[in-house]
Protein backbone atom coordinates (compact mmCIF):
# COMPACT_ATOMS: atom_id res chain seq x y z
CA GLN A 1 -25.78 51.74 -4.32
CA VAL A 2 -24.46 50.30 -7.53
CA GLN A 3 -25.86 46.89 -8.45
CA LEU A 4 -24.05 44.32 -10.55
CA VAL A 5 -25.98 41.82 -12.65
CA GLU A 6 -24.28 38.85 -14.26
CA SER A 7 -25.57 36.96 -17.26
CA GLY A 8 -24.34 34.50 -19.86
CA GLY A 9 -23.92 31.36 -17.82
CA GLY A 10 -25.24 28.02 -18.96
CA VAL A 11 -24.40 24.45 -19.90
CA VAL A 12 -21.76 23.80 -22.52
CA GLN A 13 -19.74 20.81 -23.67
CA ALA A 14 -16.03 20.57 -23.01
CA GLY A 15 -14.13 22.60 -25.56
CA GLY A 16 -16.98 25.05 -25.96
CA THR A 17 -17.18 28.77 -25.29
CA LEU A 18 -19.26 31.14 -23.17
CA ARG A 19 -19.17 34.85 -22.58
CA LEU A 20 -20.23 36.18 -19.22
CA SER A 21 -21.40 39.75 -18.74
CA CYS A 22 -21.53 41.89 -15.64
CA ALA A 23 -23.63 45.00 -16.04
CA ALA A 24 -23.49 47.85 -13.54
CA SER A 25 -26.64 49.83 -12.74
CA GLN A 26 -24.69 53.08 -12.92
CA ARG A 27 -21.27 54.34 -13.87
CA ILE A 28 -18.59 53.28 -11.43
CA VAL A 29 -15.79 55.67 -10.58
CA ASP A 30 -12.96 55.34 -8.10
CA PHE A 31 -12.57 51.62 -8.40
CA ALA A 32 -9.27 49.82 -7.89
CA TYR A 33 -10.10 46.81 -10.01
CA MET A 34 -12.91 44.67 -11.36
CA GLY A 35 -12.68 40.93 -11.28
CA TRP A 36 -14.27 37.60 -11.89
CA TYR A 37 -14.39 34.98 -9.16
CA ARG A 38 -15.72 31.46 -9.21
CA GLN A 39 -16.81 28.99 -6.59
CA ALA A 40 -17.06 25.29 -7.28
CA PRO A 41 -19.07 23.00 -4.99
CA GLY A 42 -17.20 22.37 -1.75
CA LYS A 43 -14.47 24.86 -2.60
CA GLN A 44 -13.64 28.41 -1.65
CA ARG A 45 -14.39 31.32 -3.92
CA GLU A 46 -11.30 32.15 -5.99
CA LEU A 47 -10.23 35.09 -8.11
CA ILE A 48 -9.61 33.99 -11.68
CA ALA A 49 -9.28 37.23 -13.65
CA ASP A 50 -9.15 40.93 -12.96
CA ILE A 51 -8.68 44.24 -14.72
CA THR A 52 -7.44 47.41 -13.07
CA SER A 53 -8.71 50.93 -13.60
CA HIS A 54 -5.70 51.40 -15.87
CA GLY A 55 -6.65 48.40 -18.01
CA SER A 56 -4.02 45.96 -16.80
CA THR A 57 -5.22 42.38 -16.62
CA SER A 58 -4.13 39.32 -14.71
CA TYR A 59 -5.28 35.72 -14.67
CA GLN A 60 -5.10 32.64 -12.53
CA ASP A 61 -2.81 30.07 -14.11
CA SER A 62 -5.67 27.61 -14.62
CA VAL A 63 -7.47 29.99 -17.02
CA LYS A 64 -4.53 31.84 -18.56
CA GLY A 65 -4.65 31.65 -22.34
CA ARG A 66 -8.28 30.51 -22.35
CA PHE A 67 -10.18 33.32 -20.59
CA THR A 68 -10.14 37.03 -21.38
CA VAL A 69 -11.50 39.82 -19.20
CA SER A 70 -12.54 43.12 -20.78
CA THR A 71 -14.74 46.13 -20.16
CA ASP A 72 -17.01 48.35 -22.23
CA ASN A 73 -17.27 51.62 -20.35
CA ALA A 74 -20.01 52.96 -22.59
CA LYS A 75 -22.17 49.97 -21.67
CA ARG A 76 -20.96 49.89 -18.04
CA THR A 77 -20.27 46.22 -18.56
CA MET A 78 -17.43 43.82 -17.84
CA TYR A 79 -17.05 40.62 -19.79
CA LEU A 80 -15.35 37.28 -19.35
CA GLN A 81 -14.77 35.44 -22.61
CA MET A 82 -14.23 31.78 -21.83
CA ASN A 83 -12.80 29.51 -24.51
CA THR A 84 -11.80 25.87 -24.52
CA LEU A 85 -13.89 25.20 -21.45
CA LYS A 86 -13.10 22.20 -19.27
CA PRO A 87 -15.26 20.27 -16.81
CA GLU A 88 -13.14 21.69 -13.99
CA ASP A 89 -14.36 25.17 -14.96
CA THR A 90 -17.81 24.22 -13.64
CA ALA A 91 -18.70 26.70 -10.90
CA VAL A 92 -20.81 29.68 -9.99
CA TYR A 93 -19.13 32.77 -11.43
CA TYR A 94 -19.32 36.12 -9.66
CA CYS A 95 -18.25 39.56 -10.75
CA ASN A 96 -16.69 41.89 -8.24
CA VAL A 97 -15.73 45.53 -8.06
CA ARG A 98 -13.22 46.63 -5.44
CA MET A 99 -13.56 50.34 -4.73
CA THR A 100 -10.46 52.36 -3.90
CA TRP A 101 -11.57 52.70 -0.29
CA GLY A 102 -11.99 48.96 0.12
CA LEU A 103 -15.70 48.40 -0.44
CA ASP A 104 -16.51 45.24 -2.40
CA LEU A 105 -19.51 45.06 -4.72
CA TRP A 106 -20.76 41.63 -5.84
CA GLY A 107 -23.11 40.29 -8.42
CA GLN A 108 -25.57 37.51 -7.69
CA GLY A 109 -23.60 34.86 -9.56
CA THR A 110 -24.23 32.85 -12.69
CA GLN A 111 -23.85 29.09 -13.04
CA VAL A 112 -21.47 27.64 -15.60
CA THR A 113 -21.60 23.90 -16.16
CA VAL A 114 -19.18 22.17 -18.51
CA SER A 115 -20.04 18.61 -19.45
CA SER A 116 -17.43 16.08 -20.52
């Protein structure tokens, strides 16, 4: 089964930038979309950005204009470029792949902490 491994999390000051990566252990075909979720302490996991198999992207309003999701098929990697980070962006970030038949693949998560 395909494994997803996230990296790039860390501690950054407000206004700073981070780029998260999600590397797949093998090429993924027949996916509906790939996305980034986050879960802050005491809150539910929420979808913040996704990209379809056709390359269309969408974003949660709270990150629109600051975050950018992209993929590099040659590297089997999805990225989340995060700019102008805010303390409220602090969370564990997870990458997700939704297969066309409904199966969800998840990474292990990477912590992002934004200090004020």
